[in-house]
Amino acid sequence: MKVLVVAAHADDEALGCGGALIRHADAGDDVAALFLTNGVSSRDTVDSSDISVRHTAMEKALSILGVHHHERLDFPDNAIDTVSLLSVAKSLEAFCSKWGTPDTIYTHHPLDLNVDHQIAHRAVMTCFRPQPSPDGTPSSILTFEVPSSTGWSGGSSASGFHPNYFINIDLTLHRKLDALRAYAAEMRPFPHARSLPAVEHLARYRGSTVGVPAAEAFAVERIIEN
């Protein structure tokens, strides 16, 4: 099975679905990651060394997660909304034409606070519109939560992240946290939402809602049973 995570920035994959990706890799699935930006160029002070550090962290984290195929695009960080959605969708299409059509896609929730996350979701849904294709179409599209974006988006009971699909990560949580340690420069001290204790607490909480020790939660965009 081919599994693809489409993320705006390197570290979103580990935060949102790292435990699930490890499970896929352990099961022998072919796991790939596509990042839309370098994740740092929007910051006030940044140079080529900062991009290199983030890239090195990404490669270390992906190795821990069992992701052996990856590509990083260079859309403007925290400003992907300044380019056309079509160009983002076509870049995703170009990646899949080389790697193959994924069976399962993980990507951002559409109501995340971060605009790059929103565009990543729209690009996935645009690229993989539910229409007949000789190459097939993904049978599953699942959206994940990213601490410090999904939980900060606000919204009433009629909106926001409402998970309805859970993956048990009790046996992979420690490796998810190891992957996040590779992104030490992006993590923050507790009680920040993007801290190692907060990420573990979230996994424990999500697990407790479905009766397992730890879980990652997803909102389903599409599941096709063949």
C-alpha atoms as a PDB file:
ATOM      1  CA  MET A   1       0.000   0.000   0.000  1.00  0.00           C
ATOM      2  CA  LYS A   2       1.199   3.509  -0.823  1.00  0.00           C
ATOM      3  CA  VAL A   3       0.794   6.099   1.942  1.00  0.00           C
ATOM      4  CA  LEU A   4       1.421   9.811   1.397  1.00  0.00           C
ATOM      5  CA  VAL A   5       1.483  12.648   3.906  1.00  0.00           C
ATOM      6  CA  VAL A   6       1.087  16.110   2.385  1.00  0.00           C
ATOM      7  CA  ALA A   7       2.280  18.684   4.899  1.00  0.00           C
ATOM      8  CA  ALA A   8       2.917  22.393   4.722  1.00  0.00           C
ATOM      9  CA  HIS A   9       6.085  22.286   6.825  1.00  0.00           C
ATOM     10  CA  ALA A  10       8.566  19.673   7.983  1.00  0.00           C
ATOM     11  CA  ASP A  11       7.516  18.718  11.542  1.00  0.00           C
ATOM     12  CA  ASP A  12       3.776  18.783  10.730  1.00  0.00           C
ATOM     13  CA  GLU A  13       4.013  15.136   9.654  1.00  0.00           C
ATOM     14  CA  ALA A  14       5.487  14.035  12.993  1.00  0.00           C
ATOM     15  CA  LEU A  15       3.096  16.168  15.023  1.00  0.00           C
ATOM     16  CA  GLY A  16      -0.023  15.166  13.111  1.00  0.00           C
ATOM     17  CA  CYS A  17       0.395  11.543  12.118  1.00  0.00           C
ATOM     18  CA  GLY A  18       3.874  10.368  13.139  1.00  0.00           C
ATOM     19  CA  GLY A  19       2.597   7.383  15.083  1.00  0.00           C
ATOM     20  CA  ALA A  20       0.392   6.280  12.190  1.00  0.00           C
ATOM     21  CA  LEU A  21       3.234   6.636   9.681  1.00  0.00           C
ATOM     22  CA  ILE A  22       5.440   4.382  11.819  1.00  0.00           C
ATOM     23  CA  ARG A  23       2.680   1.781  11.901  1.00  0.00           C
ATOM     24  CA  HIS A  24       2.413   1.900   8.108  1.00  0.00           C
ATOM     25  CA  ALA A  25       6.173   1.579   7.677  1.00  0.00           C
ATOM     26  CA  ASP A  26       6.360  -1.320  10.154  1.00  0.00           C
ATOM     27  CA  ALA A  27       3.618  -3.083   8.179  1.00  0.00           C
ATOM     28  CA  GLY A  28       5.673  -2.816   4.991  1.00  0.00           C
ATOM     29  CA  ASP A  29       3.718   0.009   3.359  1.00  0.00           C
ATOM     30  CA  ASP A  30       5.510   2.410   1.020  1.00  0.00           C
ATOM     31  CA  VAL A  31       5.411   5.742   2.871  1.00  0.00           C
ATOM     32  CA  ALA A  32       6.230   9.130   1.318  1.00  0.00           C
ATOM     33  CA  ALA A  33       6.104  12.752   2.433  1.00  0.00           C
ATOM     34  CA  LEU A  34       5.626  15.920   0.405  1.00  0.00           C
ATOM     35  CA  PHE A  35       6.366  19.271   2.087  1.00  0.00           C
ATOM     36  CA  LEU A  36       5.183  22.479   0.478  1.00  0.00           C
ATOM     37  CA  THR A  37       7.647  24.986   2.001  1.00  0.00           C
ATOM     38  CA  ASN A  38      11.022  25.149   3.729  1.00  0.00           C
ATOM     39  CA  GLY A  39       9.211  26.067   6.944  1.00  0.00           C
ATOM     40  CA  VAL A  40      11.472  28.922   8.008  1.00  0.00           C
ATOM     41  CA  SER A  41      11.807  31.630   5.352  1.00  0.00           C
ATOM     42  CA  SER A  42       8.931  33.739   6.742  1.00  0.00           C
ATOM     43  CA  ARG A  43      10.788  34.403   9.990  1.00  0.00           C
ATOM     44  CA  ASP A  44      12.259  37.817  10.724  1.00  0.00           C
ATOM     45  CA  THR A  45      15.873  36.637  10.693  1.00  0.00           C
ATOM     46  CA  VAL A  46      16.696  33.673   8.509  1.00  0.00           C
ATOM     47  CA  ASP A  47      19.554  32.601   6.268  1.00  0.00           C
ATOM     48  CA  SER A  48      20.546  29.536   4.277  1.00  0.00           C
ATOM     49  CA  SER A  49      21.922  27.828   7.394  1.00  0.00           C
ATOM     50  CA  ASP A  50      18.467  27.902   9.032  1.00  0.00           C
ATOM     51  CA  ILE A  51      16.966  26.181   5.993  1.00  0.00           C
ATOM     52  CA  SER A  52      19.777  23.616   6.068  1.00  0.00           C
ATOM     53  CA  VAL A  53      19.222  22.917   9.779  1.00  0.00           C
ATOM     54  CA  ARG A  54      15.494  22.376   9.194  1.00  0.00           C
ATOM     55  CA  HIS A  55      16.247  20.086   6.254  1.00  0.00           C
ATOM     56  CA  THR A  56      18.689  18.003   8.304  1.00  0.00           C
ATOM     57  CA  ALA A  57      16.134  17.710  11.102  1.00  0.00           C
ATOM     58  CA  MET A  58      13.524  16.624   8.554  1.00  0.00           C
ATOM     59  CA  GLU A  59      15.732  13.851   7.197  1.00  0.00           C
ATOM     60  CA  LYS A  60      16.487  12.550  10.693  1.00  0.00           C
ATOM     61  CA  ALA A  61      12.823  12.624  11.690  1.00  0.00           C
ATOM     62  CA  LEU A  62      11.685  10.898   8.493  1.00  0.00           C
ATOM     63  CA  SER A  63      14.235   8.138   9.073  1.00  0.00           C
ATOM     64  CA  ILE A  64      12.734   7.526  12.516  1.00  0.00           C
ATOM     65  CA  LEU A  65       9.218   7.556  11.070  1.00  0.00           C
ATOM     66  CA  GLY A  66      10.118   5.079   8.324  1.00  0.00           C
ATOM     67  CA  VAL A  67       9.490   7.520   5.477  1.00  0.00           C
ATOM     68  CA  HIS A  68      11.875   6.670   2.637  1.00  0.00           C
ATOM     69  CA  HIS A  69      10.556   8.950  -0.106  1.00  0.00           C
ATOM     70  CA  HIS A  70      10.235  12.687   0.345  1.00  0.00           C
ATOM     71  CA  GLU A  71      10.323  15.956  -1.519  1.00  0.00           C
ATOM     72  CA  ARG A  72      10.325  19.547  -0.318  1.00  0.00           C
ATOM     73  CA  LEU A  73       8.831  22.213  -2.539  1.00  0.00           C
ATOM     74  CA  ASP A  74       9.646  25.910  -2.298  1.00  0.00           C
ATOM     75  CA  PHE A  75       6.327  27.684  -2.088  1.00  0.00           C
ATOM     76  CA  PRO A  76       6.493  30.831   0.087  1.00  0.00           C
ATOM     77  CA  ASP A  77       6.471  29.925   3.769  1.00  0.00           C
ATOM     78  CA  ASN A  78       3.347  31.098   5.609  1.00  0.00           C
ATOM     79  CA  ALA A  79       2.209  32.732   2.377  1.00  0.00           C
ATOM     80  CA  ILE A  80       1.172  29.912   0.062  1.00  0.00           C
ATOM     81  CA  ASP A  81      -2.092  31.782  -0.385  1.00  0.00           C
ATOM     82  CA  THR A  82      -0.148  34.299  -2.500  1.00  0.00           C
ATOM     83  CA  VAL A  83       0.271  31.725  -5.287  1.00  0.00           C
ATOM     84  CA  SER A  84      -2.452  29.993  -7.249  1.00  0.00           C
ATOM     85  CA  LEU A  85      -4.077  26.898  -5.818  1.00  0.00           C
ATOM     86  CA  LEU A  86      -3.703  25.357  -9.268  1.00  0.00           C
ATOM     87  CA  SER A  87       0.096  25.577  -9.088  1.00  0.00           C
ATOM     88  CA  VAL A  88       0.140  23.860  -5.703  1.00  0.00           C
ATOM     89  CA  ALA A  89      -2.216  21.128  -6.891  1.00  0.00           C
ATOM     90  CA  LYS A  90      -0.147  20.599 -10.039  1.00  0.00           C
ATOM     91  CA  SER A  91       3.011  20.200  -7.935  1.00  0.00           C
ATOM     92  CA  LEU A  92       1.258  17.502  -5.922  1.00  0.00           C
ATOM     93  CA  GLU A  93       0.098  15.876  -9.146  1.00  0.00           C
ATOM     94  CA  ALA A  94       3.663  15.953 -10.508  1.00  0.00           C
ATOM     95  CA  PHE A  95       5.012  14.254  -7.386  1.00  0.00           C
ATOM     96  CA  CYS A  96       2.406  11.496  -7.615  1.00  0.00           C
ATOM     97  CA  SER A  97       3.056  10.982 -11.324  1.00  0.00           C
ATOM     98  CA  LYS A  98       6.631  10.023 -10.365  1.00  0.00           C
ATOM     99  CA  TRP A  99       5.948   8.122  -7.142  1.00  0.00           C
ATOM    100  CA  GLY A 100       2.533   6.696  -7.916  1.00  0.00           C
ATOM    101  CA  THR A 101      -1.056   7.266  -6.841  1.00  0.00           C
ATOM    102  CA  PRO A 102      -1.344   6.908  -3.056  1.00  0.00           C
ATOM    103  CA  ASP A 103      -3.890   4.591  -1.508  1.00  0.00           C
ATOM    104  CA  THR A 104      -4.043   6.648   1.694  1.00  0.00           C
ATOM    105  CA  ILE A 105      -3.366  10.361   2.153  1.00  0.00           C
ATOM    106  CA  TYR A 106      -2.824  12.197   5.421  1.00  0.00           C
ATOM    107  CA  THR A 107      -2.999  15.982   5.328  1.00  0.00           C
ATOM    108  CA  HIS A 108      -4.017  19.063   7.303  1.00  0.00           C
ATOM    109  CA  HIS A 109      -7.460  19.874   8.591  1.00  0.00           C
ATOM    110  CA  PRO A 110      -9.136  22.609   6.505  1.00  0.00           C
ATOM    111  CA  LEU A 111      -9.865  24.859   9.514  1.00  0.00           C
ATOM    112  CA  ASP A 112      -6.323  25.080  10.879  1.00  0.00           C
ATOM    113  CA  LEU A 113      -5.219  28.564  11.876  1.00  0.00           C
ATOM    114  CA  ASN A 114      -2.113  28.396   9.671  1.00  0.00           C
ATOM    115  CA  VAL A 115      -2.908  29.460   6.115  1.00  0.00           C
ATOM    116  CA  ASP A 116      -0.326  27.076   4.611  1.00  0.00           C
ATOM    117  CA  HIS A 117      -2.164  24.186   6.275  1.00  0.00           C
ATOM    118  CA  GLN A 118      -5.432  25.335   4.730  1.00  0.00           C
ATOM    119  CA  ILE A 119      -3.899  25.478   1.252  1.00  0.00           C
ATOM    120  CA  ALA A 120      -2.297  22.040   1.659  1.00  0.00           C
ATOM    121  CA  HIS A 121      -5.743  20.595   2.370  1.00  0.00           C
ATOM    122  CA  ARG A 122      -7.337  22.371  -0.577  1.00  0.00           C
ATOM    123  CA  ALA A 123      -4.557  21.202  -2.890  1.00  0.00           C
ATOM    124  CA  VAL A 124      -5.095  17.574  -1.857  1.00  0.00           C
ATOM    125  CA  MET A 125      -8.840  17.795  -2.374  1.00  0.00           C
ATOM    126  CA  THR A 126      -8.331  19.529  -5.725  1.00  0.00           C
ATOM    127  CA  CYS A 127      -5.730  17.101  -6.991  1.00  0.00           C
ATOM    128  CA  PHE A 128      -7.711  14.050  -5.923  1.00  0.00           C
ATOM    129  CA  ARG A 129     -11.212  15.017  -6.891  1.00  0.00           C
ATOM    130  CA  PRO A 130     -13.480  11.952  -6.799  1.00  0.00           C
ATOM    131  CA  GLN A 131     -13.594  11.229 -10.502  1.00  0.00           C
ATOM    132  CA  PRO A 132     -12.777   8.085 -12.497  1.00  0.00           C
ATOM    133  CA  SER A 133      -9.081   7.797 -13.339  1.00  0.00           C
ATOM    134  CA  PRO A 134      -7.033   5.095 -15.062  1.00  0.00           C
ATOM    135  CA  ASP A 135      -4.457   5.500 -12.279  1.00  0.00           C
ATOM    136  CA  GLY A 136      -7.048   5.054  -9.553  1.00  0.00           C
ATOM    137  CA  THR A 137      -7.849   7.398  -6.708  1.00  0.00           C
ATOM    138  CA  PRO A 138      -6.934   7.359  -3.011  1.00  0.00           C
ATOM    139  CA  SER A 139      -9.288   5.165  -1.039  1.00  0.00           C
ATOM    140  CA  SER A 140      -8.661   7.150   2.155  1.00  0.00           C
ATOM    141  CA  ILE A 141      -8.081  10.849   2.822  1.00  0.00           C
ATOM    142  CA  LEU A 142      -7.631  11.628   6.510  1.00  0.00           C
ATOM    143  CA  THR A 143      -6.970  15.027   8.064  1.00  0.00           C
ATOM    144  CA  PHE A 144      -4.873  15.360  11.211  1.00  0.00           C
ATOM    145  CA  GLU A 145      -4.532  17.883  14.010  1.00  0.00           C
ATOM    146  CA  VAL A 146      -1.356  19.902  14.509  1.00  0.00           C
ATOM    147  CA  PRO A 147      -0.807  21.281  18.013  1.00  0.00           C
ATOM    148  CA  SER A 148      -0.413  25.088  17.879  1.00  0.00           C
ATOM    149  CA  SER A 149      -2.530  25.372  14.745  1.00  0.00           C
ATOM    150  CA  THR A 150      -5.595  23.123  14.802  1.00  0.00           C
ATOM    151  CA  GLY A 151      -6.356  23.833  18.449  1.00  0.00           C
ATOM    152  CA  TRP A 152      -5.843  27.569  17.991  1.00  0.00           C
ATOM    153  CA  SER A 153      -8.291  28.011  15.123  1.00  0.00           C
ATOM    154  CA  GLY A 154     -11.258  28.807  17.335  1.00  0.00           C
ATOM    155  CA  GLY A 155     -14.677  27.971  15.981  1.00  0.00           C
ATOM    156  CA  SER A 156     -18.043  27.161  17.451  1.00  0.00           C
ATOM    157  CA  SER A 157     -19.546  23.723  17.960  1.00  0.00           C
ATOM    158  CA  ALA A 158     -20.469  23.811  14.275  1.00  0.00           C
ATOM    159  CA  SER A 159     -16.845  24.008  13.146  1.00  0.00           C
ATOM    160  CA  GLY A 160     -13.355  23.097  14.263  1.00  0.00           C
ATOM    161  CA  PHE A 161     -11.668  19.714  14.465  1.00  0.00           C
ATOM    162  CA  HIS A 162     -14.099  16.885  15.279  1.00  0.00           C
ATOM    163  CA  PRO A 163     -12.259  13.558  14.950  1.00  0.00           C
ATOM    164  CA  ASN A 164     -14.144  10.451  13.879  1.00  0.00           C
ATOM    165  CA  TYR A 165     -11.250   8.107  13.084  1.00  0.00           C
ATOM    166  CA  PHE A 166      -8.585   6.975  15.541  1.00  0.00           C
ATOM    167  CA  ILE A 167      -5.338   5.016  15.183  1.00  0.00           C
ATOM    168  CA  ASN A 168      -3.857   3.246  18.188  1.00  0.00           C
ATOM    169  CA  ILE A 169      -0.257   4.460  18.618  1.00  0.00           C
ATOM    170  CA  ASP A 170       0.468   2.933  22.010  1.00  0.00           C
ATOM    171  CA  LEU A 171       3.405   0.970  20.561  1.00  0.00           C
ATOM    172  CA  THR A 172       4.702   3.799  18.353  1.00  0.00           C
ATOM    173  CA  LEU A 173       4.247   6.884  20.537  1.00  0.00           C
ATOM    174  CA  HIS A 174       7.824   6.765  21.860  1.00  0.00           C
ATOM    175  CA  ARG A 175       9.184   6.786  18.309  1.00  0.00           C
ATOM    176  CA  LYS A 176       6.869   9.657  17.342  1.00  0.00           C
ATOM    177  CA  LEU A 177       8.348  11.620  20.256  1.00  0.00           C
ATOM    178  CA  ASP A 178      11.862  10.661  19.124  1.00  0.00           C
ATOM    179  CA  ALA A 179      11.065  12.092  15.683  1.00  0.00           C
ATOM    180  CA  LEU A 180       9.903  15.318  17.309  1.00  0.00           C
ATOM    181  CA  ARG A 181      13.150  15.494  19.261  1.00  0.00           C
ATOM    182  CA  ALA A 182      14.871  15.723  15.883  1.00  0.00           C
ATOM    183  CA  TYR A 183      12.878  18.936  15.436  1.00  0.00           C
ATOM    184  CA  ALA A 184      14.146  20.324  18.761  1.00  0.00           C
ATOM    185  CA  ALA A 185      14.451  23.842  17.317  1.00  0.00           C
ATOM    186  CA  GLU A 186      10.727  23.853  16.534  1.00  0.00           C
ATOM    187  CA  MET A 187       9.556  22.493  19.877  1.00  0.00           C
ATOM    188  CA  ARG A 188       8.721  24.693  22.862  1.00  0.00           C
ATOM    189  CA  PRO A 189       8.721  24.305  26.660  1.00  0.00           C
ATOM    190  CA  PHE A 190       5.566  22.988  28.339  1.00  0.00           C
ATOM    191  CA  PRO A 191       2.783  24.142  28.623  1.00  0.00           C
ATOM    192  CA  HIS A 192       3.097  25.282  24.997  1.00  0.00           C
ATOM    193  CA  ALA A 193       0.889  23.141  22.754  1.00  0.00           C
ATOM    194  CA  ARG A 194       3.925  22.268  20.634  1.00  0.00           C
ATOM    195  CA  SER A 195       5.954  20.731  23.448  1.00  0.00           C
ATOM    196  CA  LEU A 196       6.835  17.084  23.958  1.00  0.00           C
ATOM    197  CA  PRO A 197       4.746  16.728  27.151  1.00  0.00           C
ATOM    198  CA  ALA A 198       1.752  18.377  25.463  1.00  0.00           C
ATOM    199  CA  VAL A 199       2.030  16.092  22.433  1.00  0.00           C
ATOM    200  CA  GLU A 200       2.132  13.044  24.691  1.00  0.00           C
ATOM    201  CA  HIS A 201      -0.781  14.337  26.773  1.00  0.00           C
ATOM    202  CA  LEU A 202      -2.817  14.841  23.588  1.00  0.00           C
ATOM    203  CA  ALA A 203      -2.069  11.281  22.433  1.00  0.00           C
ATOM    204  CA  ARG A 204      -3.062   9.931  25.854  1.00  0.00           C
ATOM    205  CA  TYR A 205      -6.248  11.989  25.849  1.00  0.00           C
ATOM    206  CA  ARG A 206      -7.217  10.930  22.322  1.00  0.00           C
ATOM    207  CA  GLY A 207      -6.546   7.333  23.297  1.00  0.00           C
ATOM    208  CA  SER A 208      -8.676   7.604  26.421  1.00  0.00           C
ATOM    209  CA  THR A 209     -11.669   8.731  24.361  1.00  0.00           C
ATOM    210  CA  VAL A 210     -11.624   5.416  22.492  1.00  0.00           C
ATOM    211  CA  GLY A 211     -10.324   3.099  25.214  1.00  0.00           C
ATOM    212  CA  VAL A 212      -6.664   2.688  24.238  1.00  0.00           C
ATOM    213  CA  PRO A 213      -3.507   3.996  25.955  1.00  0.00           C
ATOM    214  CA  ALA A 214      -2.575   6.425  23.133  1.00  0.00           C
ATOM    215  CA  ALA A 215      -4.021   7.396  19.779  1.00  0.00           C
ATOM    216  CA  GLU A 216      -3.863   9.867  16.933  1.00  0.00           C
ATOM    217  CA  ALA A 217      -7.179  11.371  15.894  1.00  0.00           C
ATOM    218  CA  PHE A 218      -8.327  12.194  12.377  1.00  0.00           C
ATOM    219  CA  ALA A 219     -11.295  13.684  10.591  1.00  0.00           C
ATOM    220  CA  VAL A 220     -12.331  11.640   7.570  1.00  0.00           C
ATOM    221  CA  GLU A 221     -12.623  13.319   4.198  1.00  0.00           C
ATOM    222  CA  ARG A 222     -13.037  10.081   2.278  1.00  0.00           C
ATOM    223  CA  ILE A 223     -12.975   6.338   2.827  1.00  0.00           C
ATOM    224  CA  ILE A 224     -13.834   4.028  -0.072  1.00  0.00           C
ATOM    225  CA  GLU A 225     -14.352   0.359   0.714  1.00  0.00           C
ATOM    226  CA  ASN A 226     -13.586  -1.731  -2.351  1.00  0.00           C
END
